[in-house]
N, C-alpha and C. Protein backbone atom coordinates (compact mmCIF):
# COMPACT_ATOMS: atom_id res chain seq x y z
N UNK A 1 83.11 116.42 88.74
CA UNK A 1 82.71 114.92 88.85
C UNK A 1 84.05 114.13 88.90
N UNK A 2 84.09 113.16 89.77
CA UNK A 2 85.10 112.25 89.91
C UNK A 2 84.93 111.02 89.28
N UNK A 3 85.74 109.95 89.39
CA UNK A 3 85.68 108.70 88.91
C UNK A 3 86.48 107.78 89.82
N UNK A 4 85.79 106.57 89.94
CA UNK A 4 86.52 105.48 90.75
C UNK A 4 86.38 104.01 90.02
N UNK A 5 87.56 103.50 89.57
CA UNK A 5 87.46 102.30 88.89
C UNK A 5 87.97 101.17 89.87
N UNK A 6 87.47 99.98 89.85
CA UNK A 6 87.61 99.10 90.63
C UNK A 6 88.23 97.90 89.80
N UNK A 7 89.71 97.80 90.05
CA UNK A 7 90.47 96.84 89.16
C UNK A 7 91.51 96.13 89.90
N UNK A 8 91.03 95.47 91.08
CA UNK A 8 91.87 94.75 91.90
C UNK A 8 92.10 93.24 91.46
N UNK A 9 91.06 92.76 90.87
CA UNK A 9 90.95 91.27 90.48
C UNK A 9 92.00 90.69 89.77
N UNK A 10 92.21 89.26 90.04
CA UNK A 10 93.03 88.42 89.13
C UNK A 10 92.46 88.05 87.87
N UNK A 11 91.24 87.70 87.99
CA UNK A 11 90.68 87.28 86.48
C UNK A 11 91.12 85.80 86.30
N UNK A 12 90.72 84.85 87.11
CA UNK A 12 91.01 83.50 87.18
C UNK A 12 90.56 82.81 85.91
N UNK A 13 89.52 83.09 85.23
CA UNK A 13 88.89 82.65 84.15
C UNK A 13 89.61 82.91 82.80
N UNK A 14 90.41 84.07 83.03
CA UNK A 14 91.28 84.32 81.76
C UNK A 14 92.80 83.91 81.91
N UNK A 15 93.08 82.91 82.83
CA UNK A 15 94.26 82.49 82.87
C UNK A 15 94.53 81.44 81.72
N UNK A 16 95.72 81.14 81.28
CA UNK A 16 96.86 81.73 81.59
C UNK A 16 97.36 83.20 81.19
N UNK A 17 96.33 83.79 80.66
CA UNK A 17 96.86 85.16 80.32
C UNK A 17 97.07 85.95 81.60
N UNK A 18 96.20 85.72 82.50
CA UNK A 18 96.45 86.53 83.67
C UNK A 18 97.20 86.22 84.81
N UNK A 19 98.04 84.96 84.42
CA UNK A 19 99.18 84.65 85.35
C UNK A 19 100.25 85.90 85.14
N UNK A 20 100.40 86.58 84.16
CA UNK A 20 101.42 87.61 83.99
C UNK A 20 100.96 88.99 84.03
N UNK A 21 99.70 89.25 83.99
CA UNK A 21 98.92 90.52 83.86
C UNK A 21 97.79 90.73 84.71
N UNK A 22 97.42 91.67 85.39
CA UNK A 22 96.11 91.85 85.88
C UNK A 22 95.02 91.73 84.90
N UNK A 23 93.80 91.38 85.20
CA UNK A 23 92.75 91.32 84.50
C UNK A 23 92.49 92.64 83.76
N UNK A 24 92.59 93.71 84.35
CA UNK A 24 92.30 95.08 83.74
C UNK A 24 93.29 95.58 82.66
N UNK A 25 94.36 94.85 82.63
CA UNK A 25 95.46 95.04 81.68
C UNK A 25 95.35 94.24 80.40
N UNK A 26 94.36 93.29 80.45
CA UNK A 26 93.95 92.46 79.18
C UNK A 26 93.70 93.28 77.96
N UNK A 27 94.49 93.03 77.06
CA UNK A 27 94.19 93.84 75.70
C UNK A 27 93.05 93.31 74.96
N UNK A 28 92.36 94.27 74.43
CA UNK A 28 91.29 94.04 73.53
C UNK A 28 91.71 94.52 72.13
N UNK A 29 92.28 93.72 71.25
CA UNK A 29 92.88 94.24 69.91
C UNK A 29 93.98 95.18 70.04
N UNK A 30 94.67 95.00 71.25
CA UNK A 30 96.16 95.66 71.51
C UNK A 30 95.81 96.64 72.53
N UNK A 31 94.67 97.04 73.07
CA UNK A 31 94.42 98.08 73.87
C UNK A 31 93.96 97.58 75.21
N UNK A 32 94.72 97.86 76.16
CA UNK A 32 94.20 97.18 77.74
C UNK A 32 93.03 97.75 78.12
N UNK A 33 92.07 97.16 78.57
CA UNK A 33 90.69 97.51 79.11
C UNK A 33 90.77 98.49 79.94
N UNK A 34 91.80 98.68 80.91
CA UNK A 34 91.76 99.93 81.92
C UNK A 34 92.12 101.07 81.15
N UNK A 35 93.00 101.08 80.15
CA UNK A 35 93.55 102.32 79.54
C UNK A 35 92.45 102.83 78.63
N UNK A 36 91.57 102.00 77.99
CA UNK A 36 90.40 102.37 77.27
C UNK A 36 89.48 103.05 78.03
N UNK A 37 89.17 102.55 79.32
CA UNK A 37 88.48 103.41 80.09
C UNK A 37 88.98 104.61 80.56
N UNK A 38 90.27 104.70 80.84
CA UNK A 38 90.78 105.97 81.15
C UNK A 38 90.91 107.06 80.01
N UNK A 39 90.85 106.49 78.89
CA UNK A 39 90.82 107.49 77.85
C UNK A 39 89.28 107.85 77.72
N UNK A 40 88.19 106.91 77.69
CA UNK A 40 87.04 107.49 77.75
C UNK A 40 86.75 108.75 78.71
N UNK A 41 87.19 108.42 79.91
CA UNK A 41 87.07 109.40 80.93
C UNK A 41 87.54 110.69 80.50
N UNK A 42 88.88 110.75 80.15
CA UNK A 42 89.60 111.96 79.88
C UNK A 42 88.89 112.67 78.53
N UNK A 43 88.52 111.79 77.90
CA UNK A 43 87.76 112.43 76.37
C UNK A 43 86.45 113.14 76.96
N UNK A 44 86.00 112.73 78.04
CA UNK A 44 84.67 113.34 78.45
C UNK A 44 84.91 114.41 79.57
N UNK A 45 86.11 114.56 79.68
CA UNK A 45 86.54 115.70 80.79
C UNK A 45 86.59 115.43 82.14
N UNK A 46 86.54 114.02 82.51
CA UNK A 46 86.72 113.53 83.80
C UNK A 46 88.15 113.03 83.87
N UNK A 47 88.89 113.72 84.77
CA UNK A 47 90.19 113.50 84.99
C UNK A 47 90.86 113.28 86.54
N UNK A 48 89.77 113.51 87.31
CA UNK A 48 90.21 113.36 88.73
C UNK A 48 89.49 111.84 88.78
N UNK A 49 90.81 110.93 88.97
CA UNK A 49 90.23 109.37 88.66
C UNK A 49 91.17 108.63 89.77
N UNK A 50 90.49 107.81 90.48
CA UNK A 50 91.30 106.77 91.17
C UNK A 50 90.88 105.27 90.73
N UNK A 51 91.92 104.73 90.73
CA UNK A 51 91.94 103.23 90.34
C UNK A 51 92.36 102.46 91.54
N UNK A 52 91.54 101.35 91.83
CA UNK A 52 91.83 100.54 93.29
C UNK A 52 92.71 99.36 92.36
N UNK A 53 93.83 99.06 92.82
CA UNK A 53 94.54 98.09 92.18
C UNK A 53 94.55 96.93 93.22
N UNK A 54 95.15 95.65 92.89
CA UNK A 54 95.27 94.60 93.77
C UNK A 54 96.53 93.62 93.44
N UNK A 55 95.76 92.62 92.45
CA UNK A 55 96.78 91.74 91.74
C UNK A 55 97.69 92.37 90.92
N UNK A 56 99.11 92.09 91.07
CA UNK A 56 99.89 92.71 90.45
C UNK A 56 99.92 94.16 90.23
N UNK A 57 99.81 94.74 91.50
CA UNK A 57 99.53 96.26 91.73
C UNK A 57 100.77 97.06 90.92
N UNK A 58 101.91 96.68 91.13
CA UNK A 58 103.03 97.56 90.67
C UNK A 58 102.77 97.49 89.00
N UNK A 59 102.61 96.43 88.46
CA UNK A 59 102.42 96.49 87.08
C UNK A 59 101.33 97.27 86.50
N UNK A 60 100.27 97.36 87.39
CA UNK A 60 98.90 98.07 86.81
C UNK A 60 99.26 99.59 87.19
N UNK A 61 99.91 99.97 88.10
CA UNK A 61 100.32 101.27 88.43
C UNK A 61 101.27 101.80 87.39
N UNK A 62 102.21 101.09 86.90
CA UNK A 62 103.29 101.46 85.98
C UNK A 62 102.51 101.63 84.60
N UNK A 63 101.79 100.81 84.30
CA UNK A 63 100.99 101.06 83.06
C UNK A 63 100.03 102.32 82.86
N UNK A 64 99.33 102.39 84.21
CA UNK A 64 98.41 103.73 84.16
C UNK A 64 99.43 104.89 84.18
N UNK A 65 100.50 105.11 84.99
CA UNK A 65 101.24 106.21 85.11
C UNK A 65 102.14 106.42 83.90
N UNK A 66 102.28 105.53 82.97
CA UNK A 66 103.12 105.79 81.77
C UNK A 66 102.23 106.72 80.80
N UNK A 67 101.06 106.57 81.03
CA UNK A 67 100.16 107.57 80.14
C UNK A 67 99.37 108.53 80.92
N UNK A 68 98.78 108.28 82.09
CA UNK A 68 98.11 109.05 82.88
C UNK A 68 98.62 109.30 84.28
N UNK A 69 99.63 110.16 84.27
CA UNK A 69 100.44 110.30 85.33
C UNK A 69 99.78 110.84 86.64
N UNK A 70 98.50 111.69 86.31
CA UNK A 70 97.73 112.25 87.54
C UNK A 70 96.79 111.27 88.18
N UNK A 71 96.62 110.05 87.62
CA UNK A 71 95.58 109.20 87.97
C UNK A 71 96.17 108.69 89.36
N UNK A 72 95.14 108.65 90.40
CA UNK A 72 95.64 108.15 91.69
C UNK A 72 95.36 106.55 91.50
N UNK A 73 96.29 105.83 92.21
CA UNK A 73 96.24 104.29 92.28
C UNK A 73 96.51 104.10 93.70
N UNK A 74 95.19 103.37 94.21
CA UNK A 74 95.35 102.88 95.72
C UNK A 74 95.19 101.29 95.79
N UNK A 75 96.11 100.71 96.29
CA UNK A 75 96.08 99.37 96.38
C UNK A 75 95.23 98.74 97.42
N UNK A 76 94.42 97.70 97.11
CA UNK A 76 93.86 96.76 98.01
C UNK A 76 94.68 95.77 98.46
N UNK A 77 95.23 95.66 99.54
CA UNK A 77 96.24 94.82 100.07
C UNK A 77 95.52 93.43 100.37
N UNK A 78 94.32 93.35 100.49
CA UNK A 78 93.58 92.24 100.88
C UNK A 78 92.79 91.66 99.53
N UNK A 79 93.20 91.91 98.37
CA UNK A 79 92.46 91.60 97.23
C UNK A 79 92.15 89.96 97.02
N UNK A 80 93.05 89.19 97.66
CA UNK A 80 92.91 87.85 97.53
C UNK A 80 91.65 87.41 98.25
N UNK A 81 91.43 87.96 99.25
CA UNK A 81 90.31 87.43 100.26
C UNK A 81 89.13 88.35 100.31
N UNK A 82 89.08 89.46 99.45
CA UNK A 82 87.88 90.36 99.41
C UNK A 82 87.27 90.51 97.93
N UNK A 83 86.19 91.21 97.80
CA UNK A 83 85.71 91.66 96.47
C UNK A 83 85.69 92.76 96.39
N UNK A 84 84.92 93.26 95.29
CA UNK A 84 84.89 94.74 94.83
C UNK A 84 84.22 95.68 95.74
N UNK A 85 83.40 95.26 96.57
CA UNK A 85 82.81 96.11 97.55
C UNK A 85 83.87 96.61 98.51
N UNK A 86 84.85 95.64 98.86
CA UNK A 86 85.84 96.21 99.85
C UNK A 86 86.77 97.21 99.23
N UNK A 87 87.07 96.87 97.80
CA UNK A 87 87.68 97.75 96.99
C UNK A 87 87.14 99.16 96.75
N UNK A 88 85.78 99.13 96.68
CA UNK A 88 85.06 100.56 96.78
C UNK A 88 85.18 101.15 97.89
N UNK A 89 85.09 100.71 98.96
CA UNK A 89 85.14 101.38 100.30
C UNK A 89 86.62 102.00 100.34
N UNK A 90 87.62 101.40 99.70
CA UNK A 90 89.05 101.94 99.84
C UNK A 90 88.99 103.26 99.13
N UNK A 91 88.05 103.57 98.12
CA UNK A 91 88.25 104.68 97.21
C UNK A 91 87.32 105.77 97.89
N UNK A 92 86.71 105.42 99.08
CA UNK A 92 85.79 106.54 99.66
C UNK A 92 86.42 107.87 99.70
N UNK A 93 87.58 107.85 100.42
CA UNK A 93 88.09 109.21 100.82
C UNK A 93 88.50 110.10 99.27
N UNK A 94 88.99 109.11 98.39
CA UNK A 94 89.38 109.79 97.07
C UNK A 94 88.33 110.64 96.46
N UNK A 95 86.88 110.13 96.62
CA UNK A 95 85.71 110.72 95.82
C UNK A 95 85.03 111.64 96.69
N UNK A 96 85.47 111.64 98.04
CA UNK A 96 84.56 112.50 98.96
C UNK A 96 84.46 113.96 98.49
N UNK A 97 83.18 114.47 98.80
CA UNK A 97 82.91 115.93 98.58
C UNK A 97 82.70 116.09 97.19
N UNK A 98 82.27 115.14 96.36
CA UNK A 98 81.89 115.47 94.98
C UNK A 98 80.79 114.34 94.31
N UNK A 99 80.21 114.58 93.27
CA UNK A 99 79.57 113.52 92.64
C UNK A 99 80.60 112.64 92.03
N UNK A 100 80.39 111.36 91.67
CA UNK A 100 81.23 110.58 91.11
C UNK A 100 80.88 109.40 90.11
N UNK A 101 81.49 108.98 89.20
CA UNK A 101 81.27 107.74 88.40
C UNK A 101 82.00 106.53 88.97
N UNK A 102 81.31 105.35 88.99
CA UNK A 102 82.10 104.18 89.38
C UNK A 102 81.96 103.03 88.38
N UNK A 103 82.96 102.40 88.33
CA UNK A 103 82.84 101.31 87.11
C UNK A 103 83.76 100.23 87.45
N UNK A 104 83.70 98.95 87.06
CA UNK A 104 84.54 97.78 87.11
C UNK A 104 85.47 97.95 85.91
N UNK A 105 86.73 97.41 86.48
CA UNK A 105 87.81 97.46 85.38
C UNK A 105 87.93 96.35 84.31
N UNK A 106 86.76 95.71 84.14
CA UNK A 106 86.58 94.59 83.10
C UNK A 106 85.77 94.79 82.04
N UNK A 107 85.37 96.19 81.86
CA UNK A 107 84.36 96.50 80.85
C UNK A 107 84.96 97.47 79.71
N UNK A 108 84.87 96.75 78.52
CA UNK A 108 85.51 97.48 77.38
C UNK A 108 84.21 98.28 76.78
N UNK A 109 84.37 99.62 76.65
CA UNK A 109 83.20 100.26 76.06
C UNK A 109 83.71 101.55 75.25
N UNK A 110 82.64 102.11 74.56
CA UNK A 110 82.96 103.41 74.02
C UNK A 110 82.72 104.51 74.99
N UNK A 111 83.31 105.80 74.61
CA UNK A 111 83.33 106.93 75.35
C UNK A 111 81.80 107.30 75.41
N UNK A 112 80.95 107.14 74.33
CA UNK A 112 79.69 107.51 74.38
C UNK A 112 78.93 107.05 75.54
N UNK A 113 79.31 105.78 76.21
CA UNK A 113 78.62 105.27 77.54
C UNK A 113 78.90 106.52 78.44
N UNK A 114 80.06 106.87 78.49
CA UNK A 114 80.39 108.07 79.64
C UNK A 114 79.74 109.24 79.36
N UNK A 115 79.64 109.71 78.15
CA UNK A 115 79.18 110.94 77.72
C UNK A 115 77.61 110.95 78.09
N UNK A 116 77.00 109.93 77.66
CA UNK A 116 75.31 109.70 77.86
C UNK A 116 75.32 109.72 79.32
N UNK A 117 76.09 109.07 80.23
CA UNK A 117 75.86 109.02 81.74
C UNK A 117 75.97 110.51 82.34
N UNK A 118 77.03 111.20 81.86
CA UNK A 118 77.37 112.55 82.26
C UNK A 118 76.10 113.54 81.87
N UNK A 119 75.62 113.28 80.74
CA UNK A 119 74.53 114.27 80.39
C UNK A 119 73.15 113.59 80.71
N UNK A 120 73.13 112.70 81.65
CA UNK A 120 71.77 112.07 82.11
C UNK A 120 71.22 113.25 82.98
N UNK A 121 69.89 113.46 83.05
CA UNK A 121 69.28 114.43 83.86
C UNK A 121 69.24 113.81 85.33
N UNK A 122 69.37 112.71 85.71
CA UNK A 122 69.27 112.17 86.91
C UNK A 122 70.75 112.16 87.67
N UNK A 123 70.85 112.56 88.84
CA UNK A 123 72.01 112.56 89.66
C UNK A 123 72.49 111.28 90.04
N UNK A 124 71.79 110.21 90.18
CA UNK A 124 71.94 108.82 90.51
C UNK A 124 71.60 108.05 89.20
N UNK A 125 72.39 107.16 88.49
CA UNK A 125 71.93 106.50 87.46
C UNK A 125 72.97 105.28 87.20
N UNK A 126 72.22 104.34 86.55
CA UNK A 126 72.96 102.99 86.38
C UNK A 126 72.88 102.77 84.80
N UNK A 127 73.93 102.81 84.24
CA UNK A 127 73.87 102.45 82.70
C UNK A 127 73.24 101.21 82.30
N UNK A 128 72.29 101.07 81.66
CA UNK A 128 71.51 100.00 81.51
C UNK A 128 71.27 99.63 80.00
N UNK A 129 71.60 98.52 79.52
CA UNK A 129 71.37 97.91 78.19
C UNK A 129 69.91 97.31 78.21
N UNK A 130 68.93 98.28 78.07
CA UNK A 130 67.51 97.97 78.18
C UNK A 130 67.07 96.92 77.25
N UNK A 131 66.39 95.99 77.68
CA UNK A 131 65.97 94.88 76.95
C UNK A 131 66.89 93.69 76.64
N UNK A 132 67.99 93.75 77.25
CA UNK A 132 69.26 92.74 77.10
C UNK A 132 69.30 92.02 78.04
N UNK A 133 69.36 90.79 78.18
CA UNK A 133 69.36 89.79 79.24
C UNK A 133 70.88 88.85 79.14
N UNK A 134 71.53 89.02 80.02
CA UNK A 134 72.77 88.06 80.03
C UNK A 134 73.06 87.38 81.42
N UNK A 135 72.88 86.12 81.51
CA UNK A 135 72.84 85.51 82.88
C UNK A 135 74.01 85.84 83.65
N UNK A 136 75.12 86.21 83.14
CA UNK A 136 76.36 86.66 83.98
C UNK A 136 76.36 88.10 84.43
N UNK A 137 75.46 88.92 83.86
CA UNK A 137 75.46 90.30 84.17
C UNK A 137 74.67 90.65 85.29
N UNK A 138 74.67 91.65 86.02
CA UNK A 138 73.83 92.06 86.93
C UNK A 138 72.63 92.55 86.11
N UNK A 139 71.46 92.56 86.70
CA UNK A 139 70.26 92.93 85.94
C UNK A 139 69.37 93.98 86.81
N UNK A 140 68.72 94.89 86.34
CA UNK A 140 68.06 95.82 87.13
C UNK A 140 66.53 95.69 87.02
N UNK A 141 65.60 95.85 88.09
CA UNK A 141 64.30 96.09 88.00
C UNK A 141 63.90 97.40 88.14
N UNK A 142 62.89 97.99 87.31
CA UNK A 142 62.39 99.14 87.39
C UNK A 142 61.15 99.21 87.86
N UNK A 143 60.60 100.04 88.88
CA UNK A 143 59.36 100.25 89.39
C UNK A 143 58.89 101.66 89.58
N UNK A 144 57.70 102.08 88.85
CA UNK A 144 57.21 103.44 88.84
C UNK A 144 58.41 104.47 88.47
N UNK A 145 59.02 104.10 87.29
CA UNK A 145 60.21 104.96 86.84
C UNK A 145 61.52 104.92 87.69
N UNK A 146 61.75 104.21 88.74
CA UNK A 146 63.01 104.30 89.31
C UNK A 146 63.46 102.94 89.64
N UNK A 147 64.87 102.67 89.61
CA UNK A 147 65.30 101.39 89.87
C UNK A 147 65.06 100.81 91.25
N UNK A 148 64.68 99.64 91.52
CA UNK A 148 64.42 99.22 92.85
C UNK A 148 65.13 97.97 93.23
N UNK A 149 65.94 97.28 92.29
CA UNK A 149 66.52 96.13 92.64
C UNK A 149 67.77 95.88 91.60
N UNK A 150 68.93 95.49 92.00
CA UNK A 150 70.02 95.09 91.14
C UNK A 150 70.67 93.85 91.62
N UNK A 151 70.71 92.85 90.80
CA UNK A 151 71.31 91.54 91.27
C UNK A 151 71.72 90.65 89.90
N UNK A 152 72.26 89.68 90.27
CA UNK A 152 72.55 88.64 89.07
C UNK A 152 71.22 87.78 88.79
N UNK A 153 70.56 87.48 89.97
CA UNK A 153 69.81 86.31 89.77
C UNK A 153 68.20 86.83 89.47
N UNK A 154 68.11 88.13 88.89
CA UNK A 154 66.91 88.64 88.65
C UNK A 154 66.37 87.78 87.28
N UNK A 155 65.20 87.38 87.23
CA UNK A 155 64.52 86.45 86.15
C UNK A 155 64.42 87.48 84.86
N UNK A 156 64.52 86.97 83.70
CA UNK A 156 64.45 87.64 82.46
C UNK A 156 62.95 88.55 82.31
N UNK A 157 61.89 87.96 82.85
CA UNK A 157 60.72 88.51 82.85
C UNK A 157 60.48 89.79 83.87
N UNK A 158 61.35 89.71 84.78
CA UNK A 158 61.26 90.98 85.65
C UNK A 158 62.45 92.03 85.51
N UNK A 159 63.22 91.67 84.46
CA UNK A 159 64.51 92.75 84.35
C UNK A 159 64.14 93.71 83.24
N UNK A 160 64.55 95.04 83.61
CA UNK A 160 64.51 95.95 82.57
C UNK A 160 65.59 95.85 81.66
N UNK A 161 66.84 95.25 82.09
CA UNK A 161 67.90 95.19 80.99
C UNK A 161 69.10 94.87 82.05
N UNK A 162 70.20 94.73 81.45
CA UNK A 162 71.48 94.49 81.99
C UNK A 162 72.12 95.73 82.57
N UNK A 163 72.67 95.87 83.66
CA UNK A 163 73.69 96.74 83.99
C UNK A 163 74.86 96.58 83.41
N UNK A 164 75.61 97.46 83.13
CA UNK A 164 76.96 97.25 82.29
C UNK A 164 78.14 97.63 83.36
N UNK A 165 77.65 97.73 84.71
CA UNK A 165 78.63 98.04 85.83
C UNK A 165 79.25 99.52 85.67
N UNK A 166 78.68 100.44 85.31
CA UNK A 166 78.91 101.76 85.27
C UNK A 166 77.86 102.55 85.89
N UNK A 167 78.28 103.19 86.88
CA UNK A 167 77.26 103.96 87.71
C UNK A 167 77.63 105.41 88.03
N UNK A 168 76.62 106.20 88.41
CA UNK A 168 76.78 107.56 88.73
C UNK A 168 76.23 107.83 90.01
N UNK A 169 76.93 108.66 91.01
CA UNK A 169 76.49 108.67 92.40
C UNK A 169 76.40 110.24 92.79
N UNK A 170 75.50 110.74 93.21
CA UNK A 170 75.47 112.06 93.89
C UNK A 170 76.47 111.75 95.17
N UNK A 171 76.71 113.08 95.70
CA UNK A 171 77.40 112.92 97.06
C UNK A 171 76.46 112.30 97.96
N UNK A 172 75.32 112.60 98.16
CA UNK A 172 74.35 111.80 99.07
C UNK A 172 74.31 110.45 98.99
N UNK A 173 73.94 109.96 97.64
CA UNK A 173 73.95 108.48 97.55
C UNK A 173 75.22 107.93 97.57
N UNK A 174 76.43 108.74 97.23
CA UNK A 174 77.75 107.93 97.34
C UNK A 174 77.87 107.80 98.91
N UNK A 175 77.68 108.70 99.87
CA UNK A 175 77.79 108.45 101.08
C UNK A 175 76.89 107.37 101.87
N UNK A 176 75.71 107.17 101.34
CA UNK A 176 74.70 106.08 101.58
C UNK A 176 75.47 104.76 101.15
N UNK A 177 76.00 104.85 99.89
CA UNK A 177 76.60 103.53 99.43
C UNK A 177 77.74 103.21 100.16
N UNK A 178 78.71 104.04 100.49
CA UNK A 178 79.90 103.53 101.35
C UNK A 178 79.51 103.33 102.67
N UNK A 179 78.53 103.98 103.37
CA UNK A 179 78.00 103.59 104.60
C UNK A 179 77.43 102.10 104.66
N UNK A 180 76.86 101.69 103.69
CA UNK A 180 76.28 100.36 103.41
C UNK A 180 77.43 99.28 103.17
N UNK A 181 78.46 99.62 102.45
CA UNK A 181 79.63 98.99 102.14
C UNK A 181 80.24 98.63 103.82
N UNK A 182 80.54 99.72 104.30
CA UNK A 182 81.05 99.70 105.76
C UNK A 182 80.40 98.73 106.72
N UNK A 183 78.84 98.73 106.48
CA UNK A 183 78.28 97.93 107.25
C UNK A 183 78.38 96.60 107.16
N UNK A 184 78.58 96.19 105.95
CA UNK A 184 78.96 94.72 105.55
C UNK A 184 80.12 94.33 105.87
N UNK A 185 81.15 95.19 105.74
CA UNK A 185 82.40 94.84 105.97
C UNK A 185 82.67 94.72 107.38
N UNK A 186 82.19 95.66 108.18
CA UNK A 186 82.36 95.64 109.63
C UNK A 186 81.96 94.42 110.41
N UNK A 187 80.96 93.68 109.72
CA UNK A 187 80.43 92.64 110.36
C UNK A 187 81.06 91.35 109.75
N UNK A 188 82.28 91.46 108.90
CA UNK A 188 82.94 90.51 108.35
C UNK A 188 82.63 90.06 107.02
N UNK A 189 81.67 90.52 106.38
CA UNK A 189 81.31 90.23 105.13
C UNK A 189 82.10 90.92 103.96
N UNK A 190 83.28 90.48 103.77
CA UNK A 190 84.29 91.27 102.85
C UNK A 190 84.33 90.60 101.48
N UNK A 191 83.61 89.69 101.35
CA UNK A 191 83.83 88.85 99.87
C UNK A 191 82.49 89.05 99.13
N UNK A 192 82.08 90.41 98.82
CA UNK A 192 80.65 90.73 98.57
C UNK A 192 80.96 91.62 97.13
N UNK A 193 80.01 91.61 96.30
CA UNK A 193 80.01 92.53 95.04
C UNK A 193 79.64 93.72 95.67
N UNK A 194 80.10 95.02 94.91
CA UNK A 194 79.58 96.24 95.41
C UNK A 194 78.34 96.47 95.11
N UNK A 195 77.61 95.79 94.08
CA UNK A 195 76.10 95.79 93.81
C UNK A 195 75.26 95.46 94.87
N UNK A 196 75.64 94.56 95.87
CA UNK A 196 74.96 94.18 97.06
C UNK A 196 74.65 95.45 97.84
N UNK A 197 75.87 96.39 98.29
CA UNK A 197 75.55 97.50 98.91
C UNK A 197 74.79 98.39 98.04
N UNK A 198 74.80 98.54 96.72
CA UNK A 198 74.05 99.47 96.05
C UNK A 198 72.63 99.01 96.19
N UNK A 199 72.20 97.83 96.09
CA UNK A 199 70.97 97.19 96.27
C UNK A 199 70.37 97.59 97.50
N UNK A 200 71.22 97.59 98.46
CA UNK A 200 70.63 97.97 99.85
C UNK A 200 70.11 99.30 100.11
N UNK A 201 70.70 100.17 99.19
CA UNK A 201 70.36 101.68 99.27
C UNK A 201 69.12 102.10 98.27
N UNK A 202 68.70 101.34 97.37
CA UNK A 202 67.81 101.72 96.37
C UNK A 202 66.35 102.06 96.90
N UNK A 203 66.02 101.58 98.12
CA UNK A 203 64.91 102.07 98.62
C UNK A 203 65.00 103.52 99.21
N UNK A 204 66.10 103.88 99.60
CA UNK A 204 66.17 105.27 100.09
C UNK A 204 66.69 106.36 99.11
N UNK A 205 67.50 105.78 98.11
CA UNK A 205 68.02 106.72 97.15
C UNK A 205 67.58 106.47 95.69
N UNK A 206 67.05 107.53 95.15
CA UNK A 206 66.46 107.47 93.88
C UNK A 206 67.41 107.21 92.70
N UNK A 207 67.40 105.84 92.09
CA UNK A 207 68.42 105.78 90.96
C UNK A 207 67.53 105.59 89.78
N UNK A 208 68.06 105.96 88.63
CA UNK A 208 67.25 105.58 87.37
C UNK A 208 68.28 105.05 86.36
N UNK A 209 67.58 104.41 85.31
CA UNK A 209 68.42 103.68 84.47
C UNK A 209 68.69 104.73 83.19
N UNK A 210 70.13 104.90 83.11
CA UNK A 210 70.66 105.59 81.91
C UNK A 210 70.70 104.75 80.79
N UNK A 211 69.90 104.87 79.68
CA UNK A 211 70.05 104.01 78.61
C UNK A 211 71.28 103.87 78.02
N UNK A 212 71.71 102.69 77.53
CA UNK A 212 73.09 102.65 77.04
C UNK A 212 73.24 103.36 75.55
N UNK A 213 74.22 104.13 75.63
CA UNK A 213 74.78 104.52 74.10
C UNK A 213 76.07 103.94 73.83
N UNK A 214 76.34 103.61 72.70
CA UNK A 214 77.53 103.00 72.06
C UNK A 214 77.57 101.42 72.59
N UNK A 215 78.76 100.91 72.42
CA UNK A 215 79.10 99.56 72.59
C UNK A 215 79.66 99.20 73.94
N UNK A 216 79.50 97.93 74.33
CA UNK A 216 80.24 97.67 75.64
C UNK A 216 80.51 96.16 75.72
N UNK A 217 81.52 95.54 76.37
CA UNK A 217 81.48 94.16 76.68
C UNK A 217 82.12 93.82 77.89
N UNK A 218 81.68 93.01 78.77
CA UNK A 218 82.24 92.68 80.10
C UNK A 218 83.16 91.42 79.81
N UNK A 219 84.59 91.50 80.14
CA UNK A 219 85.32 90.45 79.86
C UNK A 219 85.82 89.56 80.95
N UNK A 220 85.22 88.37 81.00
CA UNK A 220 85.64 87.43 82.05
C UNK A 220 86.30 86.22 81.63
N UNK A 221 86.32 85.94 80.62
CA UNK A 221 86.80 84.61 80.09
C UNK A 221 87.26 84.74 78.58
N UNK A 222 87.83 83.81 77.91
CA UNK A 222 88.22 83.76 76.68
C UNK A 222 87.40 83.90 75.56
N UNK A 223 86.18 83.49 75.77
CA UNK A 223 85.02 83.67 74.78
C UNK A 223 84.71 85.12 74.88
N UNK A 224 84.52 85.75 76.17
CA UNK A 224 84.22 87.11 76.17
C UNK A 224 85.27 88.11 75.31
N UNK A 225 86.63 87.76 75.63
CA UNK A 225 87.45 88.49 74.99
C UNK A 225 87.51 88.22 73.39
N UNK A 226 87.05 87.09 72.82
CA UNK A 226 87.04 87.00 71.40
C UNK A 226 85.93 87.85 71.09
N UNK A 227 84.68 87.94 71.64
CA UNK A 227 83.48 88.53 71.16
C UNK A 227 83.83 90.07 71.21
N UNK A 228 84.48 90.43 72.35
CA UNK A 228 84.73 91.85 72.46
C UNK A 228 85.72 92.29 71.29
N UNK A 229 86.69 91.32 70.90
CA UNK A 229 87.70 91.86 69.88
C UNK A 229 86.63 91.94 68.43
N UNK A 230 85.95 91.14 68.21
CA UNK A 230 85.06 91.11 67.06
C UNK A 230 84.16 92.33 67.11
N UNK A 231 83.58 92.69 68.16
CA UNK A 231 82.69 93.97 68.37
C UNK A 231 83.41 95.39 68.27
N UNK A 232 84.69 95.25 68.66
CA UNK A 232 85.64 96.52 68.71
C UNK A 232 86.43 96.31 67.71
N UNK A 233 86.33 95.80 66.67
CA UNK A 233 87.43 95.58 65.56
C UNK A 233 87.93 96.71 64.93
N UNK A 234 87.56 98.03 65.36
CA UNK A 234 88.11 99.19 64.83
C UNK A 234 88.89 99.97 65.84
N UNK A 235 89.18 99.31 66.89
CA UNK A 235 90.15 99.73 67.76
C UNK A 235 91.78 99.43 67.34
């Protein structure tokens, strides 16, 4: 199992903190988000990891390699004009030939999240906080036991729950996902979320909800950071 972390973003809503550091290195009670993710993966035996950097790439790479020298860091040179679908496609070669996990670099979580996803019986899965609805989060729809839609604009009465932006792909589903990313990008749509491509393959690839184990918080603004520090006050 490999892992791909999308961490190229600036994090404008966290400015002025992110004037000096990339969003993925914003600390929660002193621990940078990305380093917590790497710790979680290593704790669960996943050590073949690629991080896609962008904003302040040299700083991010130095922070990663200070503790995790074997982690591969790939720079998205167009991070200012693209979104994380473009970053995801840059990681295709790194995860080729294996199943892989993918996550956004702004989610602070427990290692239990990764453990549950690795132990899930389904080869393709989306970690889902079932019954939880957050307007800013991606939501998922379940039909006849499989996920059929992922988007931000799904209404509460149709949503199974919130995706926490942590995904598991089989090789087959990964290839379909990257092909869909390439399809969008090749026609000039470079500023899209990776979930747009994921949504585009749900009809042909069977994805299931992996029920959330442990805690998580997506950090987009100062209020999110304050909430995460309260939730993870033992870090």
